[in-house]
Structures are given as C-alpha cells and as structure tokens.
Amino acid sequence: MGGHAICPVGYDDKKKVIKFKNSWSDKWGQKGYGFLPYDYVERYMMDAWSSVDIEDPNPLTLASVMSYRERALV
C-alpha cells in the first residue's frame, strides 16, 4: 500500500464537491487542498476512517503481571 491520505475539511452541496487536505504537501493542488465530486467519492471510495475526541476518558487500570520479587530484579 502507498503512503497517501486525504482528510475531508469541507463540502459544497451546490457544487456537489468535498474539499480535502492532501498528504502530499502544500505544493500540491491549491496549497495542499483539492476537491472531489460527490459521484466520484460514491463510485470509487474504498475505505474511510474517522476519530472522535473523548472529553473525559477513563484510563485503564492494568493488573500487574510481575511479582514483587521479579520487579526487584528489573
């Protein structure tokens, strides 16, 4: 697989395009941005990923897997 990604940053329903930031630097396209028509995305998009901020995460508490004796040897 190649090392390329785009990140959607906006859309225009009148023009039916999605604005995206390209991972190929600011020298590509319009200072690093481009536009994809909705129909192109519907036809050719293979996968998509998203992430969400968690406002109050509860960190996991992990059980110890080493005995006190083993810890003393580290």
PDB file of N, CA and C in Angstrom:
ATOM      1  N   MET A   1       0.837  -1.175   0.000  1.00  0.00           N
ATOM      2  CA  MET A   1       0.000   0.000   0.000  1.00  0.00           C
ATOM      3  C   MET A   1       0.885   1.242   0.000  1.00  0.00           C
ATOM      4  N   GLY A   2       0.397   2.268  -0.615  1.00  0.00           N
ATOM      5  CA  GLY A   2       1.130   3.522  -0.693  1.00  0.00           C
ATOM      6  C   GLY A   2       0.972   4.354   0.558  1.00  0.00           C
ATOM      7  N   GLY A   3       1.764   5.388   0.642  1.00  0.00           N
ATOM      8  CA  GLY A   3       1.697   6.286   1.778  1.00  0.00           C
ATOM      9  C   GLY A   3       0.978   7.569   1.413  1.00  0.00           C
ATOM     10  N   HIS A   4      -0.325   7.488   1.223  1.00  0.00           N
ATOM     11  CA  HIS A   4      -1.089   8.656   0.801  1.00  0.00           C
ATOM     12  C   HIS A   4      -2.413   8.694   1.536  1.00  0.00           C
ATOM     13  N   ALA A   5      -2.847   9.897   1.904  1.00  0.00           N
ATOM     14  CA  ALA A   5      -4.137  10.049   2.569  1.00  0.00           C
ATOM     15  C   ALA A   5      -4.702  11.424   2.266  1.00  0.00           C
ATOM     16  N   ILE A   6      -6.016  11.526   2.385  1.00  0.00           N
ATOM     17  CA  ILE A   6      -6.673  12.825   2.308  1.00  0.00           C
ATOM     18  C   ILE A   6      -7.582  12.952   3.520  1.00  0.00           C
ATOM     19  N   CYS A   7      -7.835  14.188   3.920  1.00  0.00           N
ATOM     20  CA  CYS A   7      -8.705  14.452   5.059  1.00  0.00           C
ATOM     21  C   CYS A   7      -9.780  15.437   4.622  1.00  0.00           C
ATOM     22  N   PRO A   8     -11.056  15.023   4.609  1.00  0.00           N
ATOM     23  CA  PRO A   8     -12.118  15.960   4.251  1.00  0.00           C
ATOM     24  C   PRO A   8     -12.163  17.113   5.249  1.00  0.00           C
ATOM     25  N   VAL A   9     -12.277  18.335   4.736  1.00  0.00           N
ATOM     26  CA  VAL A   9     -12.324  19.510   5.608  1.00  0.00           C
ATOM     27  C   VAL A   9     -13.539  20.388   5.329  1.00  0.00           C
ATOM     28  N   GLY A  10     -14.320  20.051   4.302  1.00  0.00           N
ATOM     29  CA  GLY A  10     -15.499  20.842   3.985  1.00  0.00           C
ATOM     30  C   GLY A  10     -16.256  20.252   2.810  1.00  0.00           C
ATOM     31  N   TYR A  11     -17.380  20.879   2.485  1.00  0.00           N
ATOM     32  CA  TYR A  11     -18.176  20.417   1.350  1.00  0.00           C
ATOM     33  C   TYR A  11     -18.996  21.574   0.797  1.00  0.00           C
ATOM     34  N   ASP A  12     -19.485  21.422  -0.424  1.00  0.00           N
ATOM     35  CA  ASP A  12     -20.332  22.419  -1.073  1.00  0.00           C
ATOM     36  C   ASP A  12     -21.445  21.667  -1.789  1.00  0.00           C
ATOM     37  N   ASP A  13     -22.653  21.690  -1.214  1.00  0.00           N
ATOM     38  CA  ASP A  13     -23.771  20.967  -1.810  1.00  0.00           C
ATOM     39  C   ASP A  13     -24.195  21.549  -3.153  1.00  0.00           C
ATOM     40  N   LYS A  14     -23.981  22.842  -3.361  1.00  0.00           N
ATOM     41  CA  LYS A  14     -24.338  23.444  -4.655  1.00  0.00           C
ATOM     42  C   LYS A  14     -23.430  22.932  -5.766  1.00  0.00           C
ATOM     43  N   LYS A  15     -22.130  22.842  -5.495  1.00  0.00           N
ATOM     44  CA  LYS A  15     -21.170  22.335  -6.485  1.00  0.00           C
ATOM     45  C   LYS A  15     -21.043  20.816  -6.427  1.00  0.00           C
ATOM     46  N   LYS A  16     -21.602  20.216  -5.365  1.00  0.00           N
ATOM     47  CA  LYS A  16     -21.535  18.768  -5.137  1.00  0.00           C
ATOM     48  C   LYS A  16     -20.095  18.264  -5.085  1.00  0.00           C
ATOM     49  N   VAL A  17     -19.300  18.925  -4.236  1.00  0.00           N
ATOM     50  CA  VAL A  17     -17.905  18.535  -4.058  1.00  0.00           C
ATOM     51  C   VAL A  17     -17.549  18.490  -2.577  1.00  0.00           C
ATOM     52  N   ILE A  18     -16.536  17.692  -2.271  1.00  0.00           N
ATOM     53  CA  ILE A  18     -15.948  17.638  -0.936  1.00  0.00           C
ATOM     54  C   ILE A  18     -14.564  18.254  -1.028  1.00  0.00           C
ATOM     55  N   LYS A  19     -14.275  19.218  -0.157  1.00  0.00           N
ATOM     56  CA  LYS A  19     -12.939  19.813  -0.095  1.00  0.00           C
ATOM     57  C   LYS A  19     -12.100  18.945   0.829  1.00  0.00           C
ATOM     58  N   PHE A  20     -10.849  18.690   0.424  1.00  0.00           N
ATOM     59  CA  PHE A  20      -9.985  17.853   1.246  1.00  0.00           C
ATOM     60  C   PHE A  20      -8.574  18.420   1.315  1.00  0.00           C
ATOM     61  N   LYS A  21      -7.865  18.061   2.381  1.00  0.00           N
ATOM     62  CA  LYS A  21      -6.443  18.362   2.557  1.00  0.00           C
ATOM     63  C   LYS A  21      -5.688  17.115   2.136  1.00  0.00           C
ATOM     64  N   ASN A  22      -4.733  17.282   1.241  1.00  0.00           N
ATOM     65  CA  ASN A  22      -3.946  16.173   0.720  1.00  0.00           C
ATOM     66  C   ASN A  22      -2.678  15.991   1.557  1.00  0.00           C
ATOM     67  N   SER A  23      -2.200  14.766   1.689  1.00  0.00           N
ATOM     68  CA  SER A  23      -0.987  14.493   2.472  1.00  0.00           C
ATOM     69  C   SER A  23       0.293  14.731   1.680  1.00  0.00           C
ATOM     70  N   TRP A  24       0.189  15.193   0.431  1.00  0.00           N
ATOM     71  CA  TRP A  24       1.372  15.366  -0.411  1.00  0.00           C
ATOM     72  C   TRP A  24       2.019  16.736  -0.280  1.00  0.00           C
ATOM     73  N   SER A  25       1.738  17.515   0.689  1.00  0.00           N
ATOM     74  CA  SER A  25       2.336  18.819   0.988  1.00  0.00           C
ATOM     75  C   SER A  25       1.537  19.964   0.388  1.00  0.00           C
ATOM     76  N   ASP A  26       1.899  21.163   0.801  1.00  0.00           N
ATOM     77  CA  ASP A  26       1.219  22.377   0.339  1.00  0.00           C
ATOM     78  C   ASP A  26       1.544  22.720  -1.106  1.00  0.00           C
ATOM     79  N   LYS A  27       2.514  22.048  -1.693  1.00  0.00           N
ATOM     80  CA  LYS A  27       2.879  22.315  -3.087  1.00  0.00           C
ATOM     81  C   LYS A  27       1.918  21.642  -4.064  1.00  0.00           C
ATOM     82  N   TRP A  28       1.089  20.730  -3.573  1.00  0.00           N
ATOM     83  CA  TRP A  28       0.141  20.018  -4.415  1.00  0.00           C
ATOM     84  C   TRP A  28      -1.169  20.800  -4.493  1.00  0.00           C
ATOM     85  N   GLY A  29      -1.829  20.792  -5.641  1.00  0.00           N
ATOM     86  CA  GLY A  29      -3.169  21.374  -5.788  1.00  0.00           C
ATOM     87  C   GLY A  29      -3.229  22.838  -5.412  1.00  0.00           C
ATOM     88  N   GLN A  30      -4.235  23.213  -4.662  1.00  0.00           N
ATOM     89  CA  GLN A  30      -4.429  24.589  -4.214  1.00  0.00           C
ATOM     90  C   GLN A  30      -3.888  24.721  -2.790  1.00  0.00           C
ATOM     91  N   LYS A  31      -2.566  24.864  -2.707  1.00  0.00           N
ATOM     92  CA  LYS A  31      -1.867  24.939  -1.414  1.00  0.00           C
ATOM     93  C   LYS A  31      -2.159  23.720  -0.547  1.00  0.00           C
ATOM     94  N   GLY A  32      -2.179  22.543  -1.185  1.00  0.00           N
ATOM     95  CA  GLY A  32      -2.391  21.300  -0.458  1.00  0.00           C
ATOM     96  C   GLY A  32      -3.835  20.835  -0.394  1.00  0.00           C
ATOM     97  N   TYR A  33      -4.752  21.621  -0.931  1.00  0.00           N
ATOM     98  CA  TYR A  33      -6.173  21.279  -0.907  1.00  0.00           C
ATOM     99  C   TYR A  33      -6.662  20.903  -2.297  1.00  0.00           C
ATOM    100  N   GLY A  34      -7.729  20.105  -2.331  1.00  0.00           N
ATOM    101  CA  GLY A  34      -8.350  19.723  -3.587  1.00  0.00           C
ATOM    102  C   GLY A  34      -9.833  19.487  -3.380  1.00  0.00           C
ATOM    103  N   PHE A  35     -10.517  19.127  -4.459  1.00  0.00           N
ATOM    104  CA  PHE A  35     -11.960  18.909  -4.419  1.00  0.00           C
ATOM    105  C   PHE A  35     -12.306  17.606  -5.119  1.00  0.00           C
ATOM    106  N   LEU A  36     -13.201  16.836  -4.524  1.00  0.00           N
ATOM    107  CA  LEU A  36     -13.685  15.595  -5.125  1.00  0.00           C
ATOM    108  C   LEU A  36     -15.191  15.708  -5.336  1.00  0.00           C
ATOM    109  N   PRO A  37     -15.668  15.425  -6.547  1.00  0.00           N
ATOM    110  CA  PRO A  37     -17.114  15.405  -6.779  1.00  0.00           C
ATOM    111  C   PRO A  37     -17.781  14.285  -5.972  1.00  0.00           C
ATOM    112  N   TYR A  38     -18.990  14.538  -5.497  1.00  0.00           N
ATOM    113  CA  TYR A  38     -19.721  13.527  -4.729  1.00  0.00           C
ATOM    114  C   TYR A  38     -19.802  12.200  -5.478  1.00  0.00           C
ATOM    115  N   ASP A  39     -20.111  12.244  -6.782  1.00  0.00           N
ATOM    116  CA  ASP A  39     -20.277  10.990  -7.521  1.00  0.00           C
ATOM    117  C   ASP A  39     -18.971  10.196  -7.612  1.00  0.00           C
ATOM    118  N   TYR A  40     -17.831  10.875  -7.663  1.00  0.00           N
ATOM    119  CA  TYR A  40     -16.535  10.183  -7.669  1.00  0.00           C
ATOM    120  C   TYR A  40     -16.336   9.444  -6.341  1.00  0.00           C
ATOM    121  N   VAL A  41     -16.649  10.118  -5.237  1.00  0.00           N
ATOM    122  CA  VAL A  41     -16.497   9.507  -3.908  1.00  0.00           C
ATOM    123  C   VAL A  41     -17.408   8.289  -3.783  1.00  0.00           C
ATOM    124  N   GLU A  42     -18.668   8.436  -4.209  1.00  0.00           N
ATOM    125  CA  GLU A  42     -19.612   7.318  -4.122  1.00  0.00           C
ATOM    126  C   GLU A  42     -19.160   6.125  -4.958  1.00  0.00           C
ATOM    127  N   ARG A  43     -18.565   6.392  -6.090  1.00  0.00           N
ATOM    128  CA  ARG A  43     -18.189   5.326  -7.017  1.00  0.00           C
ATOM    129  C   ARG A  43     -16.866   4.652  -6.655  1.00  0.00           C
ATOM    130  N   TYR A  44     -15.874   5.430  -6.202  1.00  0.00           N
ATOM    131  CA  TYR A  44     -14.512   4.895  -6.080  1.00  0.00           C
ATOM    132  C   TYR A  44     -13.931   4.816  -4.671  1.00  0.00           C
ATOM    133  N   MET A  45     -14.578   5.381  -3.677  1.00  0.00           N
ATOM    134  CA  MET A  45     -14.005   5.348  -2.332  1.00  0.00           C
ATOM    135  C   MET A  45     -13.927   3.904  -1.841  1.00  0.00           C
ATOM    136  N   MET A  46     -12.736   3.489  -1.391  1.00  0.00           N
ATOM    137  CA  MET A  46     -12.533   2.118  -0.936  1.00  0.00           C
ATOM    138  C   MET A  46     -12.711   1.966   0.568  1.00  0.00           C
ATOM    139  N   ASP A  47     -12.229   2.909   1.342  1.00  0.00           N
ATOM    140  CA  ASP A  47     -12.407   2.843   2.783  1.00  0.00           C
ATOM    141  C   ASP A  47     -12.308   4.240   3.361  1.00  0.00           C
ATOM    142  N   ALA A  48     -12.776   4.368   4.579  1.00  0.00           N
ATOM    143  CA  ALA A  48     -12.741   5.661   5.264  1.00  0.00           C
ATOM    144  C   ALA A  48     -12.548   5.406   6.749  1.00  0.00           C
ATOM    145  N   TRP A  49     -11.896   6.334   7.404  1.00  0.00           N
ATOM    146  CA  TRP A  49     -11.626   6.227   8.837  1.00  0.00           C
ATOM    147  C   TRP A  49     -11.996   7.542   9.492  1.00  0.00           C
ATOM    148  N   SER A  50     -12.381   7.478  10.744  1.00  0.00           N
ATOM    149  CA  SER A  50     -12.665   8.698  11.495  1.00  0.00           C
ATOM    150  C   SER A  50     -12.215   8.499  12.937  1.00  0.00           C
ATOM    151  N   SER A  51     -12.089   9.598  13.638  1.00  0.00           N
ATOM    152  CA  SER A  51     -11.753   9.540  15.058  1.00  0.00           C
ATOM    153  C   SER A  51     -12.590  10.572  15.792  1.00  0.00           C
ATOM    154  N   VAL A  52     -12.782  10.335  17.075  1.00  0.00           N
ATOM    155  CA  VAL A  52     -13.613  11.209  17.884  1.00  0.00           C
ATOM    156  C   VAL A  52     -12.862  11.524  19.169  1.00  0.00           C
ATOM    157  N   ASP A  53     -12.874  12.793  19.567  1.00  0.00           N
ATOM    158  CA  ASP A  53     -12.278  13.165  20.848  1.00  0.00           C
ATOM    159  C   ASP A  53     -13.150  12.633  21.981  1.00  0.00           C
ATOM    160  N   ILE A  54     -12.504  12.163  23.042  1.00  0.00           N
ATOM    161  CA  ILE A  54     -13.217  11.731  24.235  1.00  0.00           C
ATOM    162  C   ILE A  54     -12.968  12.787  25.296  1.00  0.00           C
ATOM    163  N   GLU A  55     -14.036  13.412  25.773  1.00  0.00           N
ATOM    164  CA  GLU A  55     -13.886  14.532  26.696  1.00  0.00           C
ATOM    165  C   GLU A  55     -13.388  14.116  28.076  1.00  0.00           C
ATOM    166  N   ASP A  56     -13.866  12.996  28.613  1.00  0.00           N
ATOM    167  CA  ASP A  56     -13.477  12.569  29.952  1.00  0.00           C
ATOM    168  C   ASP A  56     -13.088  11.091  29.910  1.00  0.00           C
ATOM    169  N   PRO A  57     -11.927  10.794  29.331  1.00  0.00           N
ATOM    170  CA  PRO A  57     -11.558   9.378  29.226  1.00  0.00           C
ATOM    171  C   PRO A  57     -11.237   8.781  30.592  1.00  0.00           C
ATOM    172  N   ASN A  58     -11.602   7.552  30.767  1.00  0.00           N
ATOM    173  CA  ASN A  58     -11.253   6.816  31.982  1.00  0.00           C
ATOM    174  C   ASN A  58     -10.108   5.885  31.628  1.00  0.00           C
ATOM    175  N   PRO A  59      -8.897   6.197  32.076  1.00  0.00           N
ATOM    176  CA  PRO A  59      -7.763   5.343  31.722  1.00  0.00           C
ATOM    177  C   PRO A  59      -7.931   3.943  32.301  1.00  0.00           C
ATOM    178  N   LEU A  60      -7.425   2.994  31.578  1.00  0.00           N
ATOM    179  CA  LEU A  60      -7.477   1.616  32.046  1.00  0.00           C
ATOM    180  C   LEU A  60      -6.519   1.415  33.210  1.00  0.00           C
ATOM    181  N   THR A  61      -6.917   0.615  34.159  1.00  0.00           N
ATOM    182  CA  THR A  61      -6.031   0.205  35.240  1.00  0.00           C
ATOM    183  C   THR A  61      -5.582  -1.204  34.908  1.00  0.00           C
ATOM    184  N   LEU A  62      -4.307  -1.357  34.665  1.00  0.00           N
ATOM    185  CA  LEU A  62      -3.778  -2.655  34.275  1.00  0.00           C
ATOM    186  C   LEU A  62      -3.277  -3.421  35.492  1.00  0.00           C
ATOM    187  N   ALA A  63      -3.591  -4.682  35.525  1.00  0.00           N
ATOM    188  CA  ALA A  63      -3.113  -5.537  36.608  1.00  0.00           C
ATOM    189  C   ALA A  63      -1.633  -5.826  36.404  1.00  0.00           C
ATOM    190  N   SER A  64      -0.931  -5.981  37.478  1.00  0.00           N
ATOM    191  CA  SER A  64       0.485  -6.303  37.404  1.00  0.00           C
ATOM    192  C   SER A  64       0.669  -7.731  36.911  1.00  0.00           C
ATOM    193  N   VAL A  65       1.637  -7.909  36.050  1.00  0.00           N
ATOM    194  CA  VAL A  65       1.938  -9.259  35.569  1.00  0.00           C
ATOM    195  C   VAL A  65       3.285  -9.736  36.108  1.00  0.00           C
ATOM    196  N   MET A  66       3.929  -8.902  36.931  1.00  0.00           N
ATOM    197  CA  MET A  66       5.206  -9.279  37.534  1.00  0.00           C
ATOM    198  C   MET A  66       5.035  -9.325  39.049  1.00  0.00           C
ATOM    199  N   SER A  67       5.661 -10.283  39.661  1.00  0.00           N
ATOM    200  CA  SER A  67       5.619 -10.362  41.117  1.00  0.00           C
ATOM    201  C   SER A  67       6.536  -9.283  41.695  1.00  0.00           C
ATOM    202  N   TYR A  68       6.381  -9.004  42.969  1.00  0.00           N
ATOM    203  CA  TYR A  68       7.260  -8.036  43.624  1.00  0.00           C
ATOM    204  C   TYR A  68       8.714  -8.468  43.517  1.00  0.00           C
ATOM    205  N   ARG A  69       8.954  -9.749  43.638  1.00  0.00           N
ATOM    206  CA  ARG A  69      10.318 -10.272  43.546  1.00  0.00           C
ATOM    207  C   ARG A  69      10.894 -10.007  42.152  1.00  0.00           C
ATOM    208  N   GLU A  70      10.086 -10.271  41.111  1.00  0.00           N
ATOM    209  CA  GLU A  70      10.539 -10.030  39.736  1.00  0.00           C
ATOM    210  C   GLU A  70      10.819  -8.541  39.495  1.00  0.00           C
ATOM    211  N   ARG A  71       9.996  -7.680  40.079  1.00  0.00           N
ATOM    212  CA  ARG A  71      10.205  -6.235  39.911  1.00  0.00           C
ATOM    213  C   ARG A  71      11.533  -5.792  40.511  1.00  0.00           C
ATOM    214  N   ALA A  72      11.916  -6.414  41.620  1.00  0.00           N
ATOM    215  CA  ALA A  72      13.171  -6.042  42.279  1.00  0.00           C
ATOM    216  C   ALA A  72      14.374  -6.374  41.413  1.00  0.00           C
ATOM    217  N   LEU A  73      14.223  -7.332  40.514  1.00  0.00           N
ATOM    218  CA  LEU A  73      15.326  -7.739  39.654  1.00  0.00           C
ATOM    219  C   LEU A  73      15.458  -6.875  38.400  1.00  0.00           C
ATOM    220  N   VAL A  74      14.472  -6.040  38.149  1.00  0.00           N
ATOM    221  CA  VAL A  74      14.485  -5.220  36.920  1.00  0.00           C
ATOM    222  C   VAL A  74      15.332  -3.992  37.115  1.00  0.00           C
TER     223      VAL A  74
END
